[in-house]
Amino acid sequence: MKVRMGFRALVASAFLMIPVLAGACDDEPTGADLEEAVLLSVVPQGNAIGVDPTAPIVIEFSHGMMEGMEDYTDVHEGQVEGPLVPGSWGWNDARTRMTFTPDSALKPQTQYVIHIGGGMRDQNGQHINYQQHGAGMGGQWMTQQMHQGGQHGYGMGQGGMGMGEGWVHPGNGGFGMLFTFTTS
């Protein structure tokens, strides 16, 4: 027994299937479905005074971060143009918390700057929202003018460019956030 379907019936059945097929392909979250990634905390906070030189430096994000994002976070002695503090960053298992371990204790009664790159991304590829909490923790955006005064140490090219995608914020063009603190 052959079943013949008229052209109109065939077209109508095809249109009825479109929502089913479209819904079946919608397993991946879209950008609109993803919760915004934010900087949750920086310890010590910006402008902190009397920080224990042996205390940990910890940065926490709301989402797990992409591999390699630790390369866009530094600790400087003095100002952001000052020398890098030798040490290493390590992640917790969820890649939401980064802890800096200096090679030796920080110097007493010395100013330091934590520099977090503006273009850092979470595991979904979203840029981090620093403004929501960053300014409230004493952070400030690093501008083009701030790093033109000396050797930055990030492979800066002619005219101060060349810092790399992880350093430059796509929205405001800032070179990340700075959190300055002074040890006891």
Foldseek 3Di string as FASTA:
>chain_A
DDDDDDPVRVVVVVVVCVVVVVVVPPPDDDPVRDDAKAWDDWPPFFPAEAAALQDKTKTFMPAAFDPPQQVQKFKAWDALQHDTFAWGWDADPRNGMIITDGPDGDDAQTKMKIFHAQQTAHPVRHTYDYVVCVVVRNKDFAALVNPVPHHNPQPQDPSRDDNDRRQARPPPRTRGIMGMYTHD
